[in-house]
Amino acid sequence: MITKQEFARRRHNLMQTMEQGSIAIVASSQELVRSRDTHFMFRQDSDFHYLCGFPEPNAVLALIPGREHGEFVLFCNDKDPQQETWHGRRIGPEAACEKYGADDAFPIDDIDEILPGMMEGRHRIYYEMGKNTGLDNQIMSWVNKIRSQVKKGAQPPGEFIDLRHALHDMRLIKSAAEQKLMKQSAEIAADAHKRAMQVCKPGMTELEIEAELHYEFTRQGARFPAYSSIVASGDNACILHYTENQSKLKNGEMLLIDAGAEYQGYASDITRTFPINGKFTPAQKELYNLVLEAQLAAIETVKPGNHWMQPHEAAVDVLTEGMIGLGILEGDKQTLIEQEAYKQYYMHKTGHWIGLDVHDVGDYSIDGEPRMLESGMVLTVEPAIYIPKDDEAVAKKYRGTGIRIEDDIVVTSDGHEVLSAGVVKTVEEIETLMSMSA
């Protein structure tokens, strides 16, 4: 878990990046209506969670460097026995100070009376416009109110600065505690993928496999998937973000599963592709081993001093050469790479940052150049090949097949660690595991 001390360090580090005489304001997520008077299960805003860990909606935190009465101020729902009887226990302002380290905490209903006074005299407001339009409007009304009192000596903030740049740069480098949680998340997801391989058989539906995945997530303490699970059989695997998960599993086809758990806020993201009947055909094995070779080559480039695009470049090199060898592409490898001919069958990049968000925050380039990898960054490596069933330019034996292999990788001081190494991925390992019942 993340300790109160680590949350405090994060807030301190963020305030160190803020210019003198400033205030940062961050809002929690709000509850979202699912249908009429029912709501989706609440999930906290990642930036808000990163800074304080407070788990409730309808909250706002303010960071005010140099404030005499405390730099971390939290506004949250007040205690209310009647509301708590219907909707669950609230933490309340008093416990927010005790449990979450707030220097000062107030009922959210008092924010209009209190926060504008804290903004007055501050030159800059660090804030992300557009995420919470209600709070956007409130802040602008507070600023305008202060401006209207300038002749009485009021000092309104004169500048808004986007909070995201500094905060998201901080989130990109994971602490030891974060890496531990991410490894746990990946291990839970790995067990779920293995379970899916072992129960899979022709005649089942994609939805049944999804249920097995989510059961294993929940059983191990990850109540929610990190994103909508993709369970795509046959040609469905050629749809990158397929989530219908309704088709029947057919003998002789492949099944692509892209599923990750969310554990204490942190995501995992794993993809495996395997034969529904547990045995690769020669053609499936050729395509699969090509993608696996590309993934292993890409993972080898993940280390400090290499840049963000090197895993992709390594994967593209292997995939293009392999597709030439299989007759899927024709021509000179380098020319085909320069022409991006591979994009017909591999149209996405080879990975993304991962953390509190499955597609986590952080710039991928700096000054127009790919970002250098540093110890503590966590990324996915996920090369693939997709050959739709109606592509008559490719040999029939390869058509209707989508294969992706994805792992979560943390950059270490001298190389990398595969957090999701617990789930098998060679042809032999997969066939062996699938021969054993769950």
Protein backbone atom coordinates (compact mmCIF):
# COMPACT_ATOMS: atom_id res chain seq x y z
CA MET A 1 0.00 0.00 0.00
CA ILE A 2 0.97 3.64 -0.32
CA THR A 3 1.71 5.18 3.09
CA LYS A 4 0.65 8.59 4.42
CA GLN A 5 4.32 9.53 4.31
CA GLU A 6 4.58 8.78 0.59
CA PHE A 7 1.46 10.81 -0.19
CA ALA A 8 2.98 13.67 1.82
CA ARG A 9 6.24 13.44 -0.16
CA ARG A 10 4.28 13.60 -3.42
CA ARG A 11 2.50 16.77 -2.31
CA HIS A 12 5.77 18.29 -1.13
CA ASN A 13 7.51 17.47 -4.40
CA LEU A 14 4.68 18.98 -6.42
CA MET A 15 4.72 22.16 -4.34
CA GLN A 16 8.46 22.41 -4.93
CA THR A 17 7.73 22.78 -8.66
CA MET A 18 5.17 25.54 -8.12
CA GLU A 19 6.15 29.18 -8.44
CA GLN A 20 6.14 31.34 -5.33
CA GLY A 21 2.81 32.76 -4.29
CA SER A 22 0.63 30.10 -5.88
CA ILE A 23 -2.14 27.62 -5.10
CA ALA A 24 -2.95 24.24 -6.68
CA ILE A 25 -6.53 22.96 -6.81
CA VAL A 26 -7.43 19.35 -7.68
CA ALA A 27 -10.91 17.83 -7.71
CA SER A 28 -12.00 14.27 -7.03
CA SER A 29 -14.06 12.31 -9.52
CA GLN A 30 -17.83 12.67 -9.33
CA GLU A 31 -20.38 9.87 -9.27
CA LEU A 32 -21.73 9.05 -12.73
CA VAL A 33 -25.31 8.02 -13.44
CA ARG A 34 -25.61 4.59 -15.02
CA SER A 35 -29.37 4.50 -15.46
CA ARG A 36 -31.96 6.82 -13.99
CA ASP A 37 -31.20 6.82 -10.24
CA THR A 38 -28.40 4.23 -10.14
CA HIS A 39 -24.72 5.01 -10.49
CA PHE A 40 -21.62 3.36 -11.84
CA MET A 41 -19.31 2.08 -9.12
CA PHE A 42 -17.16 5.01 -8.06
CA ARG A 43 -13.55 5.23 -9.19
CA GLN A 44 -11.36 8.05 -7.87
CA ASP A 45 -9.64 10.52 -10.18
CA SER A 46 -6.05 9.35 -10.65
CA ASP A 47 -4.38 12.72 -10.03
CA PHE A 48 -6.45 13.30 -6.89
CA HIS A 49 -5.71 9.79 -5.64
CA TYR A 50 -1.99 10.21 -6.36
CA LEU A 51 -1.79 13.26 -4.12
CA CYS A 52 -3.81 12.15 -1.10
CA GLY A 53 -5.45 8.72 -1.44
CA PHE A 54 -8.80 10.09 -0.22
CA PRO A 55 -11.38 7.65 -1.67
CA GLU A 56 -14.65 9.61 -1.79
CA PRO A 57 -16.38 11.70 -4.48
CA ASN A 58 -17.39 15.35 -4.10
CA ALA A 59 -14.02 16.44 -2.70
CA VAL A 60 -11.47 19.13 -3.55
CA LEU A 61 -7.91 19.49 -2.34
CA ALA A 62 -5.86 22.67 -2.28
CA LEU A 63 -2.09 22.89 -1.94
CA ILE A 64 -0.97 26.28 -0.64
CA PRO A 65 2.83 26.47 -0.21
CA GLY A 66 3.82 28.59 2.75
CA ARG A 67 0.36 28.78 4.32
CA GLU A 68 0.80 29.34 8.05
CA HIS A 69 -2.05 27.05 9.12
CA GLY A 70 -1.07 24.17 6.85
CA GLU A 71 -0.36 23.65 3.18
CA PHE A 72 -2.73 20.73 2.45
CA VAL A 73 -6.40 21.66 2.70
CA LEU A 74 -9.21 19.22 1.92
CA PHE A 75 -12.90 19.87 1.32
CA CYS A 76 -15.11 16.78 1.55
CA ASN A 77 -18.59 15.57 2.42
CA ASP A 78 -19.50 16.23 6.05
CA LYS A 79 -20.65 13.45 8.35
CA ASP A 80 -24.42 12.89 7.96
CA PRO A 81 -26.06 9.92 9.72
CA GLN A 82 -29.14 10.01 7.50
CA GLN A 83 -27.19 10.05 4.23
CA GLU A 84 -24.79 7.43 5.55
CA THR A 85 -27.70 5.11 6.35
CA TRP A 86 -28.72 5.17 2.71
CA HIS A 87 -25.42 5.53 0.87
CA GLY A 88 -22.61 4.34 3.12
CA ARG A 89 -20.23 5.72 5.70
CA ARG A 90 -18.42 9.01 5.09
CA ILE A 91 -14.96 9.84 6.35
CA GLY A 92 -15.71 13.46 7.22
CA PRO A 93 -13.35 16.42 7.71
CA GLU A 94 -12.06 15.44 11.15
CA ALA A 95 -11.01 11.93 10.13
CA ALA A 96 -9.62 13.32 6.83
CA CYS A 97 -6.97 15.09 8.89
CA GLU A 98 -6.25 12.03 11.03
CA LYS A 99 -6.22 9.36 8.31
CA TYR A 100 -5.14 11.24 5.19
CA GLY A 101 -2.78 13.87 6.55
CA ALA A 102 -4.75 17.00 5.71
CA ASP A 103 -3.54 20.04 7.66
CA ASP A 104 -7.03 21.51 7.48
CA ALA A 105 -10.33 20.00 6.33
CA PHE A 106 -13.76 21.53 5.83
CA PRO A 107 -17.22 20.42 4.67
CA ILE A 108 -17.54 20.71 0.89
CA ASP A 109 -20.66 22.85 1.40
CA ASP A 110 -18.43 25.55 2.89
CA ILE A 111 -16.06 25.77 -0.06
CA ASP A 112 -17.62 28.98 -1.44
CA GLU A 113 -16.95 30.77 1.84
CA ILE A 114 -13.46 29.43 2.51
CA LEU A 115 -11.48 28.65 -0.67
CA PRO A 116 -11.80 32.10 -2.32
CA GLY A 117 -10.14 33.61 0.76
CA MET A 118 -7.25 31.17 0.34
CA MET A 119 -6.93 32.12 -3.33
CA GLU A 120 -6.86 35.86 -2.57
CA GLY A 121 -3.28 37.14 -2.55
CA ARG A 122 -2.01 34.19 -4.58
CA HIS A 123 -0.57 35.17 -7.95
CA ARG A 124 -1.04 31.88 -9.79
CA ILE A 125 -3.55 29.05 -9.78
CA TYR A 126 -2.31 25.59 -10.81
CA TYR A 127 -5.34 23.78 -12.16
CA GLU A 128 -6.55 21.56 -15.00
CA MET A 129 -9.35 23.28 -16.87
CA GLY A 130 -11.98 21.17 -18.61
CA LYS A 131 -11.97 18.09 -16.38
CA ASN A 132 -14.70 19.33 -14.01
CA THR A 133 -16.79 22.06 -15.63
CA GLY A 134 -18.74 22.72 -12.43
CA LEU A 135 -15.57 23.50 -10.50
CA ASP A 136 -14.19 25.43 -13.51
CA ASN A 137 -17.18 27.77 -13.25
CA GLN A 138 -16.86 28.08 -9.49
CA ILE A 139 -13.19 29.00 -9.66
CA MET A 140 -13.79 31.61 -12.35
CA SER A 141 -16.61 33.11 -10.30
CA TRP A 142 -14.33 33.27 -7.25
CA VAL A 143 -11.57 34.96 -9.26
CA ASN A 144 -14.03 37.46 -10.71
CA LYS A 145 -15.37 38.21 -7.25
CA ILE A 146 -11.85 38.92 -5.99
CA ARG A 147 -11.18 41.10 -9.05
CA SER A 148 -14.28 43.14 -8.28
CA GLN A 149 -12.75 44.04 -4.93
CA VAL A 150 -9.37 45.24 -6.22
CA LYS A 151 -10.19 48.86 -5.31
CA LYS A 152 -10.63 47.69 -1.72
CA GLY A 153 -7.13 46.20 -1.76
CA ALA A 154 -7.91 42.63 -2.86
CA GLN A 155 -5.18 40.83 -4.82
CA PRO A 156 -6.68 38.43 -7.39
CA PRO A 157 -4.72 35.60 -9.02
CA GLY A 158 -3.37 36.84 -12.33
CA GLU A 159 -2.46 33.60 -14.07
CA PHE A 160 -3.70 30.04 -14.54
CA ILE A 161 -1.02 27.36 -15.06
CA ASP A 162 -1.82 23.84 -16.23
CA LEU A 163 -1.13 21.54 -13.33
CA ARG A 164 -0.70 18.46 -15.51
CA HIS A 165 2.85 18.97 -16.79
CA ALA A 166 4.64 18.77 -13.42
CA LEU A 167 2.19 16.33 -11.83
CA HIS A 168 2.18 13.90 -14.73
CA ASP A 169 5.97 13.97 -14.95
CA MET A 170 6.03 12.91 -11.31
CA ARG A 171 3.54 10.10 -11.94
CA LEU A 172 5.65 8.72 -14.79
CA ILE A 173 8.41 7.54 -12.40
CA LYS A 174 7.00 4.86 -10.11
CA SER A 175 8.25 4.53 -6.53
CA ALA A 176 9.25 1.19 -5.02
CA ALA A 177 5.81 0.97 -3.35
CA GLU A 178 4.04 1.65 -6.65
CA GLN A 179 6.13 -0.96 -8.45
CA LYS A 180 5.22 -3.49 -5.77
CA LEU A 181 1.50 -2.80 -6.26
CA MET A 182 1.88 -3.00 -10.03
CA LYS A 183 3.66 -6.33 -9.74
CA GLN A 184 0.80 -7.64 -7.58
CA SER A 185 -1.72 -6.37 -10.13
CA ALA A 186 0.19 -8.12 -12.93
CA GLU A 187 0.44 -11.38 -10.95
CA ILE A 188 -3.33 -11.37 -10.38
CA ALA A 189 -3.94 -10.77 -14.08
CA ALA A 190 -1.42 -13.47 -15.00
CA ASP A 191 -3.30 -16.01 -12.88
CA ALA A 192 -6.54 -14.98 -14.59
CA HIS A 193 -5.03 -15.48 -18.05
CA LYS A 194 -3.74 -18.91 -17.03
CA ARG A 195 -7.19 -19.81 -15.71
CA ALA A 196 -8.73 -18.77 -19.02
CA MET A 197 -6.32 -20.96 -20.96
CA GLN A 198 -7.10 -23.95 -18.79
CA VAL A 199 -10.90 -23.70 -18.97
CA CYS A 200 -11.08 -22.73 -22.65
CA LYS A 201 -12.63 -25.20 -25.06
CA PRO A 202 -14.68 -25.11 -28.28
CA GLY A 203 -18.37 -24.39 -27.75
CA MET A 204 -17.89 -21.95 -24.90
CA THR A 205 -18.63 -18.26 -25.46
CA GLU A 206 -16.29 -15.31 -25.18
CA LEU A 207 -18.49 -14.07 -22.32
CA GLU A 208 -17.89 -17.26 -20.33
CA ILE A 209 -14.15 -16.70 -20.63
CA GLU A 210 -14.58 -13.08 -19.52
CA ALA A 211 -16.43 -14.35 -16.44
CA GLU A 212 -13.51 -16.63 -15.56
CA LEU A 213 -11.08 -13.71 -15.85
CA HIS A 214 -13.14 -11.41 -13.65
CA TYR A 215 -13.74 -14.16 -11.10
CA GLU A 216 -9.99 -14.59 -10.67
CA PHE A 217 -9.45 -10.82 -10.41
CA THR A 218 -12.05 -10.53 -7.66
CA ARG A 219 -10.96 -13.67 -5.85
CA GLN A 220 -7.50 -12.15 -5.41
CA GLY A 221 -8.65 -8.73 -4.24
CA ALA A 222 -8.88 -6.82 -7.52
CA ARG A 223 -12.58 -6.03 -7.61
CA PHE A 224 -12.50 -4.39 -11.03
CA PRO A 225 -10.76 -4.95 -14.34
CA ALA A 226 -8.44 -2.10 -15.29
CA TYR A 227 -10.39 -1.65 -18.55
CA SER A 228 -13.08 -3.45 -20.55
CA SER A 229 -11.72 -6.94 -21.10
CA ILE A 230 -11.18 -8.01 -24.71
CA VAL A 231 -12.02 -11.67 -25.38
CA ALA A 232 -11.85 -12.00 -29.17
CA SER A 233 -12.04 -15.28 -31.03
CA GLY A 234 -11.20 -15.85 -34.68
CA ASP A 235 -11.60 -12.79 -36.88
CA ASN A 236 -12.87 -10.74 -33.93
CA ALA A 237 -9.23 -10.48 -32.86
CA CYS A 238 -8.62 -8.23 -35.87
CA ILE A 239 -10.75 -5.56 -34.16
CA LEU A 240 -8.27 -3.86 -31.84
CA HIS A 241 -10.75 -2.73 -29.18
CA TYR A 242 -13.30 -5.52 -29.51
CA THR A 243 -15.44 -5.75 -26.36
CA GLU A 244 -18.71 -7.38 -27.48
CA ASN A 245 -17.50 -10.73 -26.11
CA GLN A 246 -20.56 -12.65 -27.34
CA SER A 247 -19.30 -15.04 -30.02
CA LYS A 248 -19.05 -18.81 -29.66
CA LEU A 249 -15.54 -20.28 -29.57
CA LYS A 250 -14.89 -22.40 -32.64
CA ASN A 251 -12.61 -25.39 -32.95
CA GLY A 252 -9.48 -24.55 -34.94
CA GLU A 253 -9.58 -20.80 -34.27
CA MET A 254 -7.42 -18.65 -32.02
CA LEU A 255 -8.56 -16.66 -28.98
CA LEU A 256 -7.03 -13.28 -28.13
CA ILE A 257 -7.48 -12.08 -24.54
CA ASP A 258 -6.45 -8.56 -23.55
CA ALA A 259 -7.32 -8.17 -19.86
CA GLY A 260 -5.80 -6.57 -16.80
CA ALA A 261 -6.73 -6.12 -13.16
CA GLU A 262 -6.91 -2.92 -11.14
CA TYR A 263 -5.34 -3.48 -7.73
CA GLN A 264 -5.39 -0.64 -5.17
CA GLY A 265 -5.74 1.80 -8.05
CA TYR A 266 -2.92 0.41 -10.22
CA ALA A 267 -3.51 -1.26 -13.57
CA SER A 268 -2.04 -4.28 -15.29
CA ASP A 269 -2.44 -4.89 -19.03
CA ILE A 270 -1.70 -8.35 -20.43
CA THR A 271 -2.53 -9.91 -23.79
CA ARG A 272 -2.18 -13.55 -24.72
CA THR A 273 -3.35 -15.38 -27.84
CA PHE A 274 -3.79 -19.14 -27.97
CA PRO A 275 -5.63 -21.89 -29.88
CA ILE A 276 -9.15 -22.54 -28.59
CA ASN A 277 -8.65 -26.31 -28.78
CA GLY A 278 -5.25 -26.14 -27.09
CA LYS A 279 -3.17 -27.08 -30.13
CA PHE A 280 -1.56 -24.69 -32.62
CA THR A 281 -1.87 -25.48 -36.32
CA PRO A 282 1.36 -25.11 -38.33
CA ALA A 283 0.14 -21.78 -39.77
CA GLN A 284 -0.93 -20.45 -36.36
CA LYS A 285 2.43 -21.47 -34.96
CA GLU A 286 4.27 -19.57 -37.74
CA LEU A 287 2.39 -16.35 -37.06
CA TYR A 288 2.55 -16.74 -33.30
CA ASN A 289 6.28 -17.37 -33.17
CA LEU A 290 6.85 -14.34 -35.40
CA VAL A 291 4.97 -12.08 -32.97
CA LEU A 292 6.73 -13.65 -29.99
CA GLU A 293 10.12 -13.10 -31.62
CA ALA A 294 9.18 -9.46 -32.20
CA GLN A 295 8.10 -9.05 -28.59
CA LEU A 296 11.28 -10.57 -27.16
CA ALA A 297 13.41 -8.34 -29.40
CA ALA A 298 11.43 -5.29 -28.27
CA ILE A 299 11.68 -6.16 -24.57
CA GLU A 300 15.48 -6.44 -24.89
CA THR A 301 15.67 -2.76 -25.80
CA VAL A 302 13.88 -1.65 -22.61
CA LYS A 303 16.67 -0.19 -20.46
CA PRO A 304 17.90 3.19 -19.27
CA GLY A 305 19.60 5.19 -21.99
CA ASN A 306 17.47 3.79 -24.79
CA HIS A 307 14.57 5.86 -26.01
CA TRP A 308 10.84 5.28 -26.01
CA MET A 309 10.61 4.31 -29.70
CA GLN A 310 13.34 1.64 -29.68
CA PRO A 311 11.03 -1.23 -28.63
CA HIS A 312 8.68 -0.30 -31.49
CA GLU A 313 11.52 -0.07 -33.99
CA ALA A 314 12.84 -3.49 -32.92
CA ALA A 315 9.38 -5.05 -33.22
CA VAL A 316 8.73 -3.52 -36.65
CA ASP A 317 12.08 -4.80 -37.92
CA VAL A 318 11.35 -8.39 -36.85
CA LEU A 319 7.71 -8.33 -37.99
CA THR A 320 8.53 -6.92 -41.42
CA GLU A 321 11.28 -9.46 -42.05
CA GLY A 322 9.01 -12.26 -40.85
CA MET A 323 6.09 -11.18 -43.01
CA ILE A 324 8.39 -11.17 -46.03
CA GLY A 325 9.47 -14.70 -45.13
CA LEU A 326 5.86 -15.86 -44.86
CA GLY A 327 4.86 -14.22 -48.14
CA ILE A 328 2.55 -11.70 -46.49
CA LEU A 329 4.67 -8.77 -47.69
CA GLU A 330 6.89 -8.57 -50.76
CA GLY A 331 9.94 -6.38 -51.29
CA ASP A 332 13.06 -5.09 -49.57
CA LYS A 333 12.76 -4.97 -45.79
CA GLN A 334 14.17 -1.48 -45.30
CA THR A 335 12.09 -0.04 -48.11
CA LEU A 336 8.94 -1.65 -46.70
CA ILE A 337 9.71 -0.21 -43.25
CA GLU A 338 10.28 3.26 -44.69
CA GLN A 339 7.00 2.98 -46.60
CA GLU A 340 5.27 1.67 -43.45
CA ALA A 341 3.91 -1.26 -45.45
CA TYR A 342 3.72 -3.28 -42.22
CA LYS A 343 0.89 -1.01 -40.99
CA GLN A 344 -1.60 -2.95 -43.09
CA TYR A 345 -1.15 -5.82 -40.62
CA TYR A 346 0.34 -4.01 -37.61
CA MET A 347 -1.15 -0.55 -37.28
CA HIS A 348 -0.44 0.49 -33.69
CA LYS A 349 2.61 1.33 -31.60
CA THR A 350 4.32 -1.32 -29.52
CA GLY A 351 3.37 0.01 -26.10
CA HIS A 352 2.26 2.76 -23.74
CA TRP A 353 2.93 3.96 -20.21
CA ILE A 354 0.93 2.19 -17.51
CA GLY A 355 0.24 3.02 -13.87
CA LEU A 356 -2.82 4.46 -12.13
CA ASP A 357 -4.32 4.72 -15.61
CA VAL A 358 -4.00 1.81 -18.01
CA HIS A 359 -2.85 4.31 -20.65
CA ASP A 360 -0.93 6.31 -18.12
CA VAL A 361 0.14 9.93 -18.16
CA GLY A 362 3.54 11.22 -19.24
CA ASP A 363 4.98 12.71 -22.41
CA TYR A 364 6.32 10.32 -25.03
CA SER A 365 8.63 12.91 -26.59
CA ILE A 366 10.58 15.92 -25.42
CA ASP A 367 11.45 18.74 -27.81
CA GLY A 368 10.33 16.58 -30.70
CA GLU A 369 12.57 13.64 -29.78
CA PRO A 370 11.49 10.28 -28.27
CA ARG A 371 11.79 10.35 -24.50
CA MET A 372 14.69 8.51 -22.94
CA LEU A 373 13.78 5.58 -20.71
CA GLU A 374 14.57 5.98 -17.02
CA SER A 375 14.54 3.65 -14.03
CA GLY A 376 11.02 3.53 -12.54
CA MET A 377 9.10 3.99 -15.77
CA VAL A 378 6.59 1.22 -16.51
CA LEU A 379 5.41 0.45 -20.03
CA THR A 380 3.73 -2.27 -22.04
CA VAL A 381 5.34 -4.10 -24.94
CA GLU A 382 2.68 -5.46 -27.29
CA PRO A 383 3.58 -6.26 -30.91
CA ALA A 384 0.92 -7.94 -33.01
CA ILE A 385 -0.20 -9.09 -36.42
CA TYR A 386 -3.79 -8.89 -37.71
CA ILE A 387 -4.90 -10.64 -40.90
CA PRO A 388 -8.64 -10.22 -41.59
CA LYS A 389 -10.54 -13.17 -43.01
CA ASP A 390 -11.42 -11.27 -46.21
CA ASP A 391 -7.82 -10.30 -47.10
CA GLU A 392 -7.33 -12.30 -50.29
CA ALA A 393 -3.78 -10.95 -50.75
CA VAL A 394 -2.63 -13.30 -47.99
CA ALA A 395 -2.53 -17.11 -48.04
CA LYS A 396 -5.83 -18.56 -46.81
CA LYS A 397 -4.20 -20.45 -43.96
CA TYR A 398 -3.30 -17.15 -42.25
CA ARG A 399 -6.62 -15.33 -42.71
CA GLY A 400 -9.01 -14.54 -39.89
CA THR A 401 -6.22 -14.49 -37.33
CA GLY A 402 -5.23 -11.73 -34.91
CA ILE A 403 -2.29 -12.33 -32.59
CA ARG A 404 -1.02 -9.93 -29.92
CA ILE A 405 1.35 -10.65 -27.05
CA GLU A 406 1.60 -8.00 -24.33
CA ASP A 407 3.53 -7.73 -21.08
CA ASP A 408 4.09 -5.03 -18.46
CA ILE A 409 7.73 -3.99 -18.11
CA VAL A 410 9.38 -1.83 -15.45
CA VAL A 411 12.65 -0.10 -16.34
CA THR A 412 15.27 -0.90 -13.70
CA SER A 413 18.62 0.73 -13.01
CA ASP A 414 20.45 -1.75 -15.23
CA GLY A 415 17.74 -3.13 -17.55
CA HIS A 416 14.15 -4.22 -17.02
CA GLU A 417 11.83 -6.57 -15.17
CA VAL A 418 8.80 -8.24 -16.75
CA LEU A 419 6.07 -7.77 -14.14
CA SER A 420 3.70 -10.12 -15.98
CA ALA A 421 6.20 -12.96 -16.43
CA GLY A 422 3.89 -15.31 -14.53
CA VAL A 423 1.74 -16.13 -17.55
CA VAL A 424 3.17 -18.51 -20.14
CA LYS A 425 3.73 -17.42 -23.73
CA THR A 426 5.77 -19.94 -25.73
CA VAL A 427 3.91 -22.42 -27.94
CA GLU A 428 5.12 -25.36 -25.86
CA GLU A 429 4.21 -23.72 -22.52
CA ILE A 430 0.74 -22.78 -23.72
CA GLU A 431 -0.02 -26.23 -25.12
CA THR A 432 1.22 -27.86 -21.91
CA LEU A 433 -0.84 -25.57 -19.67
CA MET A 434 -3.97 -26.04 -21.78
CA SER A 435 -3.66 -29.81 -21.51
CA MET A 436 -4.21 -29.47 -17.76
CA SER A 437 -7.71 -28.62 -16.48
CA ALA A 438 -8.22 -25.69 -14.13
